């Protein structure tokens, strides 16, 4: 199972990540974080974006689809649940 933990952006970087500098930067920045810390960070960033009017749900879904190849089924389900809760917030 592929995981983001300890991602260092080495030679095994998938093409879709190499082709997306923002995604590569995010994976390098957050690759060493545990699951709970990643979710906390995601929730914080989405709430901040919603408050300042820059949140784009379509863009978030696009990023989540790219990242999903690194997640287990349980992690995907948990992430979808968190995103649904955040979508319901004002």
PDB file of N, CA and C in Angstrom:
ATOM      1  N   UNK A   1       0.839  -1.180   0.000  1.00  0.00           N
ATOM      2  CA  UNK A   1       0.000   0.000   0.000  1.00  0.00           C
ATOM      3  C   UNK A   1       0.885   1.245   0.000  1.00  0.00           C
ATOM      4  N   UNK A   2       0.616   2.178  -0.911  1.00  0.00           N
ATOM      5  CA  UNK A   2       1.358   3.423  -0.971  1.00  0.00           C
ATOM      6  C   UNK A   2       0.858   4.347   0.123  1.00  0.00           C
ATOM      7  N   UNK A   3       1.769   5.133   0.688  1.00  0.00           N
ATOM      8  CA  UNK A   3       1.372   6.084   1.716  1.00  0.00           C
ATOM      9  C   UNK A   3       2.146   7.374   1.538  1.00  0.00           C
ATOM     10  N   UNK A   4       1.587   8.465   2.033  1.00  0.00           N
ATOM     11  CA  UNK A   4       2.258   9.752   1.971  1.00  0.00           C
ATOM     12  C   UNK A   4       3.379   9.853   2.988  1.00  0.00           C
ATOM     13  N   UNK A   5       3.293   9.104   4.066  1.00  0.00           N
ATOM     14  CA  UNK A   5       4.296   9.191   5.116  1.00  0.00           C
ATOM     15  C   UNK A   5       5.685   8.935   4.535  1.00  0.00           C
ATOM     16  N   UNK A   6       6.613   9.817   4.881  1.00  0.00           N
ATOM     17  CA  UNK A   6       8.004   9.747   4.467  1.00  0.00           C
ATOM     18  C   UNK A   6       8.202   9.953   2.968  1.00  0.00           C
ATOM     19  N   UNK A   7       7.240  10.554   2.305  1.00  0.00           N
ATOM     20  CA  UNK A   7       7.405  10.887   0.892  1.00  0.00           C
ATOM     21  C   UNK A   7       8.504  11.919   0.784  1.00  0.00           C
ATOM     22  N   UNK A   8       9.484  11.681  -0.078  1.00  0.00           N
ATOM     23  CA  UNK A   8      10.582  12.624  -0.204  1.00  0.00           C
ATOM     24  C   UNK A   8      10.752  13.172  -1.608  1.00  0.00           C
ATOM     25  N   UNK A   9       9.866  12.806  -2.527  1.00  0.00           N
ATOM     26  CA  UNK A   9       9.952  13.355  -3.865  1.00  0.00           C
ATOM     27  C   UNK A   9      11.096  12.794  -4.682  1.00  0.00           C
ATOM     28  N   UNK A  10      11.546  11.612  -4.376  1.00  0.00           N
ATOM     29  CA  UNK A  10      12.662  10.995  -5.087  1.00  0.00           C
ATOM     30  C   UNK A  10      12.288  10.503  -6.465  1.00  0.00           C
ATOM     31  N   UNK A  11      13.070   9.554  -6.974  1.00  0.00           N
ATOM     32  CA  UNK A  11      12.898   9.046  -8.331  1.00  0.00           C
ATOM     33  C   UNK A  11      11.583   8.323  -8.553  1.00  0.00           C
ATOM     34  N   UNK A  12      10.936   7.878  -7.507  1.00  0.00           N
ATOM     35  CA  UNK A  12       9.703   7.109  -7.664  1.00  0.00           C
ATOM     36  C   UNK A  12       8.454   7.988  -7.698  1.00  0.00           C
ATOM     37  N   UNK A  13       8.628   9.267  -7.935  1.00  0.00           N
ATOM     38  CA  UNK A  13       7.493  10.192  -7.969  1.00  0.00           C
ATOM     39  C   UNK A  13       6.650   9.906  -9.212  1.00  0.00           C
ATOM     40  N   UNK A  14       5.353   9.669  -9.035  1.00  0.00           N
ATOM     41  CA  UNK A  14       4.483   9.425 -10.188  1.00  0.00           C
ATOM     42  C   UNK A  14       4.442  10.629 -11.126  1.00  0.00           C
ATOM     43  N   UNK A  15       4.202  10.373 -12.398  1.00  0.00           N
ATOM     44  CA  UNK A  15       4.170  11.429 -13.415  1.00  0.00           C
ATOM     45  C   UNK A  15       3.164  12.519 -13.069  1.00  0.00           C
ATOM     46  N   UNK A  16       1.976  12.123 -12.593  1.00  0.00           N
ATOM     47  CA  UNK A  16       0.958  13.128 -12.294  1.00  0.00           C
ATOM     48  C   UNK A  16       1.383  14.060 -11.164  1.00  0.00           C
ATOM     49  N   UNK A  17       2.276  13.596 -10.295  1.00  0.00           N
ATOM     50  CA  UNK A  17       2.795  14.457  -9.225  1.00  0.00           C
ATOM     51  C   UNK A  17       3.898  15.353  -9.786  1.00  0.00           C
ATOM     52  N   UNK A  18       4.796  14.779 -10.591  1.00  0.00           N
ATOM     53  CA  UNK A  18       5.861  15.576 -11.197  1.00  0.00           C
ATOM     54  C   UNK A  18       5.294  16.697 -12.056  1.00  0.00           C
ATOM     55  N   UNK A  19       4.172  16.445 -12.705  1.00  0.00           N
ATOM     56  CA  UNK A  19       3.553  17.416 -13.593  1.00  0.00           C
ATOM     57  C   UNK A  19       2.759  18.483 -12.847  1.00  0.00           C
ATOM     58  N   UNK A  20       2.627  18.344 -11.540  1.00  0.00           N
ATOM     59  CA  UNK A  20       1.846  19.297 -10.756  1.00  0.00           C
ATOM     60  C   UNK A  20       2.720  19.825  -9.620  1.00  0.00           C
ATOM     61  N   UNK A  21       3.407  20.958  -9.832  1.00  0.00           N
ATOM     62  CA  UNK A  21       4.324  21.482  -8.818  1.00  0.00           C
ATOM     63  C   UNK A  21       3.674  21.723  -7.453  1.00  0.00           C
ATOM     64  N   UNK A  22       2.411  22.166  -7.448  1.00  0.00           N
ATOM     65  CA  UNK A  22       1.738  22.404  -6.165  1.00  0.00           C
ATOM     66  C   UNK A  22       1.532  21.098  -5.404  1.00  0.00           C
ATOM     67  N   UNK A  23       1.164  20.055  -6.128  1.00  0.00           N
ATOM     68  CA  UNK A  23       0.965  18.756  -5.489  1.00  0.00           C
ATOM     69  C   UNK A  23       2.289  18.203  -4.978  1.00  0.00           C
ATOM     70  N   UNK A  24       3.346  18.336  -5.760  1.00  0.00           N
ATOM     71  CA  UNK A  24       4.670  17.873  -5.340  1.00  0.00           C
ATOM     72  C   UNK A  24       5.124  18.619  -4.091  1.00  0.00           C
ATOM     73  N   UNK A  25       4.933  19.922  -4.082  1.00  0.00           N
ATOM     74  CA  UNK A  25       5.305  20.723  -2.907  1.00  0.00           C
ATOM     75  C   UNK A  25       4.523  20.284  -1.674  1.00  0.00           C
ATOM     76  N   UNK A  26       3.217  20.051  -1.844  1.00  0.00           N
ATOM     77  CA  UNK A  26       2.384  19.629  -0.720  1.00  0.00           C
ATOM     78  C   UNK A  26       2.819  18.265  -0.203  1.00  0.00           C
ATOM     79  N   UNK A  27       3.136  17.347  -1.104  1.00  0.00           N
ATOM     80  CA  UNK A  27       3.550  16.012  -0.668  1.00  0.00           C
ATOM     81  C   UNK A  27       4.885  16.069   0.074  1.00  0.00           C
ATOM     82  N   UNK A  28       5.768  16.938  -0.386  1.00  0.00           N
ATOM     83  CA  UNK A  28       7.048  17.076   0.311  1.00  0.00           C
ATOM     84  C   UNK A  28       6.856  17.733   1.673  1.00  0.00           C
ATOM     85  N   UNK A  29       5.947  18.691   1.748  1.00  0.00           N
ATOM     86  CA  UNK A  29       5.702  19.408   3.005  1.00  0.00           C
ATOM     87  C   UNK A  29       5.014  18.533   4.047  1.00  0.00           C
ATOM     88  N   UNK A  30       4.021  17.749   3.603  1.00  0.00           N
ATOM     89  CA  UNK A  30       3.194  16.998   4.540  1.00  0.00           C
ATOM     90  C   UNK A  30       3.517  15.511   4.600  1.00  0.00           C
ATOM     91  N   UNK A  31       4.463  15.050   3.814  1.00  0.00           N
ATOM     92  CA  UNK A  31       4.759  13.626   3.704  1.00  0.00           C
ATOM     93  C   UNK A  31       5.154  12.950   5.015  1.00  0.00           C
ATOM     94  N   UNK A  32       5.729  13.681   5.928  1.00  0.00           N
ATOM     95  CA  UNK A  32       6.163  13.084   7.185  1.00  0.00           C
ATOM     96  C   UNK A  32       5.118  13.138   8.296  1.00  0.00           C
ATOM     97  N   UNK A  33       3.968  13.714   8.003  1.00  0.00           N
ATOM     98  CA  UNK A  33       2.930  13.847   9.031  1.00  0.00           C
ATOM     99  C   UNK A  33       2.114  12.573   9.158  1.00  0.00           C
ATOM    100  N   UNK A  34       1.623  12.335  10.349  1.00  0.00           N
ATOM    101  CA  UNK A  34       0.713  11.228  10.591  1.00  0.00           C
ATOM    102  C   UNK A  34      -0.687  11.578  10.105  1.00  0.00           C
ATOM    103  N   UNK A  35      -1.542  10.572  10.057  1.00  0.00           N
ATOM    104  CA  UNK A  35      -2.899  10.738   9.533  1.00  0.00           C
ATOM    105  C   UNK A  35      -3.687  11.808  10.283  1.00  0.00           C
ATOM    106  N   UNK A  36      -3.658  11.779  11.596  1.00  0.00           N
ATOM    107  CA  UNK A  36      -4.422  12.752  12.385  1.00  0.00           C
ATOM    108  C   UNK A  36      -3.922  14.175  12.155  1.00  0.00           C
ATOM    109  N   UNK A  37      -2.609  14.347  12.090  1.00  0.00           N
ATOM    110  CA  UNK A  37      -2.038  15.674  11.849  1.00  0.00           C
ATOM    111  C   UNK A  37      -2.406  16.180  10.458  1.00  0.00           C
ATOM    112  N   UNK A  38      -2.420  15.284   9.480  1.00  0.00           N
ATOM    113  CA  UNK A  38      -2.803  15.674   8.124  1.00  0.00           C
ATOM    114  C   UNK A  38      -4.263  16.134   8.073  1.00  0.00           C
ATOM    115  N   UNK A  39      -5.129  15.408   8.739  1.00  0.00           N
ATOM    116  CA  UNK A  39      -6.547  15.782   8.750  1.00  0.00           C
ATOM    117  C   UNK A  39      -6.731  17.116   9.459  1.00  0.00           C
ATOM    118  N   UNK A  40      -6.039  17.323  10.577  1.00  0.00           N
ATOM    119  CA  UNK A  40      -6.114  18.608  11.284  1.00  0.00           C
ATOM    120  C   UNK A  40      -5.693  19.748  10.374  1.00  0.00           C
ATOM    121  N   UNK A  41      -4.599  19.543   9.652  1.00  0.00           N
ATOM    122  CA  UNK A  41      -4.082  20.559   8.737  1.00  0.00           C
ATOM    123  C   UNK A  41      -5.078  20.838   7.610  1.00  0.00           C
ATOM    124  N   UNK A  42      -5.652  19.779   7.058  1.00  0.00           N
ATOM    125  CA  UNK A  42      -6.631  19.917   5.987  1.00  0.00           C
ATOM    126  C   UNK A  42      -7.853  20.698   6.460  1.00  0.00           C
ATOM    127  N   UNK A  43      -8.378  20.331   7.615  1.00  0.00           N
ATOM    128  CA  UNK A  43      -9.553  21.010   8.175  1.00  0.00           C
ATOM    129  C   UNK A  43      -9.239  22.488   8.398  1.00  0.00           C
ATOM    130  N   UNK A  44      -8.094  22.772   8.962  1.00  0.00           N
ATOM    131  CA  UNK A  44      -7.698  24.154   9.230  1.00  0.00           C
ATOM    132  C   UNK A  44      -7.599  24.960   7.940  1.00  0.00           C
ATOM    133  N   UNK A  45      -6.982  24.388   6.922  1.00  0.00           N
ATOM    134  CA  UNK A  45      -6.812  25.108   5.661  1.00  0.00           C
ATOM    135  C   UNK A  45      -8.147  25.335   4.951  1.00  0.00           C
ATOM    136  N   UNK A  46      -9.007  24.332   4.950  1.00  0.00           N
ATOM    137  CA  UNK A  46     -10.308  24.500   4.306  1.00  0.00           C
ATOM    138  C   UNK A  46     -11.131  25.555   5.022  1.00  0.00           C
ATOM    139  N   UNK A  47     -11.123  25.532   6.341  1.00  0.00           N
ATOM    140  CA  UNK A  47     -11.885  26.541   7.094  1.00  0.00           C
ATOM    141  C   UNK A  47     -11.351  27.947   6.821  1.00  0.00           C
ATOM    142  N   UNK A  48     -10.037  28.085   6.756  1.00  0.00           N
ATOM    143  CA  UNK A  48      -9.429  29.387   6.453  1.00  0.00           C
ATOM    144  C   UNK A  48      -9.819  29.848   5.053  1.00  0.00           C
ATOM    145  N   UNK A  49      -9.756  28.938   4.090  1.00  0.00           N
ATOM    146  CA  UNK A  49     -10.132  29.286   2.720  1.00  0.00           C
ATOM    147  C   UNK A  49     -11.605  29.674   2.628  1.00  0.00           C
ATOM    148  N   UNK A  50     -12.447  28.965   3.353  1.00  0.00           N
ATOM    149  CA  UNK A  50     -13.880  29.301   3.345  1.00  0.00           C
ATOM    150  C   UNK A  50     -14.106  30.684   3.938  1.00  0.00           C
ATOM    151  N   UNK A  51     -13.380  31.011   5.011  1.00  0.00           N
ATOM    152  CA  UNK A  51     -13.550  32.312   5.658  1.00  0.00           C
ATOM    153  C   UNK A  51     -13.115  33.458   4.751  1.00  0.00           C
ATOM    154  N   UNK A  52     -12.048  33.241   3.967  1.00  0.00           N
ATOM    155  CA  UNK A  52     -11.582  34.342   3.113  1.00  0.00           C
ATOM    156  C   UNK A  52     -12.104  34.247   1.679  1.00  0.00           C
ATOM    157  N   UNK A  53     -13.001  33.283   1.417  1.00  0.00           N
ATOM    158  CA  UNK A  53     -13.673  33.195   0.134  1.00  0.00           C
ATOM    159  C   UNK A  53     -12.874  32.571  -0.988  1.00  0.00           C
ATOM    160  N   UNK A  54     -11.813  31.845  -0.652  1.00  0.00           N
ATOM    161  CA  UNK A  54     -10.977  31.250  -1.702  1.00  0.00           C
ATOM    162  C   UNK A  54     -11.152  29.744  -1.844  1.00  0.00           C
ATOM    163  N   UNK A  55     -12.035  29.154  -1.067  1.00  0.00           N
ATOM    164  CA  UNK A  55     -12.234  27.704  -1.135  1.00  0.00           C
ATOM    165  C   UNK A  55     -12.918  27.327  -2.440  1.00  0.00           C
ATOM    166  N   UNK A  56     -12.368  26.322  -3.120  1.00  0.00           N
ATOM    167  CA  UNK A  56     -12.908  25.842  -4.387  1.00  0.00           C
ATOM    168  C   UNK A  56     -13.147  24.339  -4.259  1.00  0.00           C
ATOM    169  N   UNK A  57     -14.393  23.908  -4.070  1.00  0.00           N
ATOM    170  CA  UNK A  57     -14.674  22.481  -3.882  1.00  0.00           C
ATOM    171  C   UNK A  57     -14.238  21.621  -5.064  1.00  0.00           C
ATOM    172  N   UNK A  58     -14.359  22.121  -6.275  1.00  0.00           N
ATOM    173  CA  UNK A  58     -13.954  21.344  -7.454  1.00  0.00           C
ATOM    174  C   UNK A  58     -12.447  21.100  -7.442  1.00  0.00           C
ATOM    175  N   UNK A  59     -11.693  22.116  -7.079  1.00  0.00           N
ATOM    176  CA  UNK A  59     -10.238  21.963  -6.993  1.00  0.00           C
ATOM    177  C   UNK A  59      -9.870  20.975  -5.883  1.00  0.00           C
ATOM    178  N   UNK A  60     -10.560  21.061  -4.756  1.00  0.00           N
ATOM    179  CA  UNK A  60     -10.298  20.138  -3.649  1.00  0.00           C
ATOM    180  C   UNK A  60     -10.571  18.703  -4.093  1.00  0.00           C
ATOM    181  N   UNK A  61     -11.680  18.482  -4.768  1.00  0.00           N
ATOM    182  CA  UNK A  61     -11.995  17.131  -5.250  1.00  0.00           C
ATOM    183  C   UNK A  61     -10.942  16.626  -6.224  1.00  0.00           C
ATOM    184  N   UNK A  62     -10.433  17.504  -7.059  1.00  0.00           N
ATOM    185  CA  UNK A  62      -9.380  17.124  -8.006  1.00  0.00           C
ATOM    186  C   UNK A  62      -8.119  16.675  -7.262  1.00  0.00           C
ATOM    187  N   UNK A  63      -7.716  17.448  -6.253  1.00  0.00           N
ATOM    188  CA  UNK A  63      -6.547  17.070  -5.457  1.00  0.00           C
ATOM    189  C   UNK A  63      -6.776  15.750  -4.715  1.00  0.00           C
ATOM    190  N   UNK A  64      -7.969  15.583  -4.185  1.00  0.00           N
ATOM    191  CA  UNK A  64      -8.262  14.354  -3.446  1.00  0.00           C
ATOM    192  C   UNK A  64      -8.215  13.135  -4.366  1.00  0.00           C
ATOM    193  N   UNK A  65      -8.662  13.288  -5.602  1.00  0.00           N
ATOM    194  CA  UNK A  65      -8.596  12.177  -6.551  1.00  0.00           C
ATOM    195  C   UNK A  65      -7.150  11.809  -6.855  1.00  0.00           C
ATOM    196  N   UNK A  66      -6.281  12.824  -6.988  1.00  0.00           N
ATOM    197  CA  UNK A  66      -4.868  12.546  -7.248  1.00  0.00           C
ATOM    198  C   UNK A  66      -4.211  11.866  -6.054  1.00  0.00           C
ATOM    199  N   UNK A  67      -4.578  12.305  -4.860  1.00  0.00           N
ATOM    200  CA  UNK A  67      -3.963  11.747  -3.656  1.00  0.00           C
ATOM    201  C   UNK A  67      -4.511  10.361  -3.313  1.00  0.00           C
ATOM    202  N   UNK A  68      -5.679  10.040  -3.813  1.00  0.00           N
ATOM    203  CA  UNK A  68      -6.337   8.796  -3.408  1.00  0.00           C
ATOM    204  C   UNK A  68      -5.520   7.552  -3.735  1.00  0.00           C
ATOM    205  N   UNK A  69      -4.637   7.641  -4.727  1.00  0.00           N
ATOM    206  CA  UNK A  69      -3.815   6.474  -5.055  1.00  0.00           C
ATOM    207  C   UNK A  69      -2.862   6.098  -3.916  1.00  0.00           C
ATOM    208  N   UNK A  70      -2.660   7.017  -2.994  1.00  0.00           N
ATOM    209  CA  UNK A  70      -1.760   6.779  -1.867  1.00  0.00           C
ATOM    210  C   UNK A  70      -2.500   6.350  -0.603  1.00  0.00           C
ATOM    211  N   UNK A  71      -3.818   6.278  -0.665  1.00  0.00           N
ATOM    212  CA  UNK A  71      -4.617   6.004   0.522  1.00  0.00           C
ATOM    213  C   UNK A  71      -5.245   4.620   0.483  1.00  0.00           C
ATOM    214  N   UNK A  72      -5.385   4.052   1.659  1.00  0.00           N
ATOM    215  CA  UNK A  72      -6.116   2.792   1.773  1.00  0.00           C
ATOM    216  C   UNK A  72      -7.610   3.098   1.643  1.00  0.00           C
ATOM    217  N   UNK A  73      -8.423   2.070   1.490  1.00  0.00           N
ATOM    218  CA  UNK A  73      -9.867   2.275   1.407  1.00  0.00           C
ATOM    219  C   UNK A  73     -10.402   2.954   2.663  1.00  0.00           C
ATOM    220  N   UNK A  74      -9.893   2.556   3.818  1.00  0.00           N
ATOM    221  CA  UNK A  74     -10.338   3.161   5.081  1.00  0.00           C
ATOM    222  C   UNK A  74      -9.950   4.639   5.144  1.00  0.00           C
ATOM    223  N   UNK A  75      -8.763   4.961   4.677  1.00  0.00           N
ATOM    224  CA  UNK A  75      -8.323   6.355   4.676  1.00  0.00           C
ATOM    225  C   UNK A  75      -9.157   7.191   3.708  1.00  0.00           C
ATOM    226  N   UNK A  76      -9.471   6.631   2.545  1.00  0.00           N
ATOM    227  CA  UNK A  76     -10.313   7.337   1.568  1.00  0.00           C
ATOM    228  C   UNK A  76     -11.684   7.625   2.166  1.00  0.00           C
ATOM    229  N   UNK A  77     -12.245   6.630   2.839  1.00  0.00           N
ATOM    230  CA  UNK A  77     -13.559   6.791   3.452  1.00  0.00           C
ATOM    231  C   UNK A  77     -13.530   7.870   4.531  1.00  0.00           C
ATOM    232  N   UNK A  78     -12.497   7.861   5.354  1.00  0.00           N
ATOM    233  CA  UNK A  78     -12.364   8.851   6.420  1.00  0.00           C
ATOM    234  C   UNK A  78     -12.218  10.254   5.835  1.00  0.00           C
ATOM    235  N   UNK A  79     -11.429  10.374   4.792  1.00  0.00           N
ATOM    236  CA  UNK A  79     -11.232  11.665   4.145  1.00  0.00           C
ATOM    237  C   UNK A  79     -12.533  12.174   3.539  1.00  0.00           C
ATOM    238  N   UNK A  80     -13.274  11.309   2.878  1.00  0.00           N
ATOM    239  CA  UNK A  80     -14.553  11.712   2.303  1.00  0.00           C
ATOM    240  C   UNK A  80     -15.527  12.184   3.388  1.00  0.00           C
ATOM    241  N   UNK A  81     -15.528  11.500   4.520  1.00  0.00           N
ATOM    242  CA  UNK A  81     -16.399  11.890   5.629  1.00  0.00           C
ATOM    243  C   UNK A  81     -16.020  13.281   6.141  1.00  0.00           C
ATOM    244  N   UNK A  82     -14.721  13.526   6.303  1.00  0.00           N
ATOM    245  CA  UNK A  82     -14.259  14.838   6.774  1.00  0.00           C
ATOM    246  C   UNK A  82     -14.651  15.924   5.780  1.00  0.00           C
ATOM    247  N   UNK A  83     -14.454  15.661   4.488  1.00  0.00           N
ATOM    248  CA  UNK A  83     -14.809  16.647   3.467  1.00  0.00           C
ATOM    249  C   UNK A  83     -16.307  16.929   3.428  1.00  0.00           C
ATOM    250  N   UNK A  84     -17.126  15.896   3.620  1.00  0.00           N
ATOM    251  CA  UNK A  84     -18.580  16.098   3.637  1.00  0.00           C
ATOM    252  C   UNK A  84     -18.982  16.975   4.812  1.00  0.00           C
ATOM    253  N   UNK A  85     -18.392  16.739   5.965  1.00  0.00           N
ATOM    254  CA  UNK A  85     -18.686  17.553   7.154  1.00  0.00           C
ATOM    255  C   UNK A  85     -18.288  18.999   6.900  1.00  0.00           C
ATOM    256  N   UNK A  86     -17.117  19.192   6.313  1.00  0.00           N
ATOM    257  CA  UNK A  86     -16.636  20.551   6.038  1.00  0.00           C
ATOM    258  C   UNK A  86     -17.508  21.256   4.993  1.00  0.00           C
ATOM    259  N   UNK A  87     -18.009  20.494   4.033  1.00  0.00           N
ATOM    260  CA  UNK A  87     -18.890  21.077   3.009  1.00  0.00           C
ATOM    261  C   UNK A  87     -20.186  21.599   3.634  1.00  0.00           C
ATOM    262  N   UNK A  88     -20.648  20.960   4.684  1.00  0.00           N
ATOM    263  CA  UNK A  88     -21.897  21.374   5.329  1.00  0.00           C
ATOM    264  C   UNK A  88     -21.730  22.620   6.194  1.00  0.00           C
ATOM    265  N   UNK A  89     -20.498  22.922   6.572  1.00  0.00           N
ATOM    266  CA  UNK A  89     -20.248  24.106   7.385  1.00  0.00           C
ATOM    267  C   UNK A  89     -20.425  25.360   6.535  1.00  0.00           C
ATOM    268  N   UNK A  90     -20.877  26.403   7.176  1.00  0.00           N
ATOM    269  CA  UNK A  90     -21.086  27.683   6.464  1.00  0.00           C
ATOM    270  C   UNK A  90     -19.785  28.331   6.100  1.00  0.00           C
TER     271      UNK A  90
END
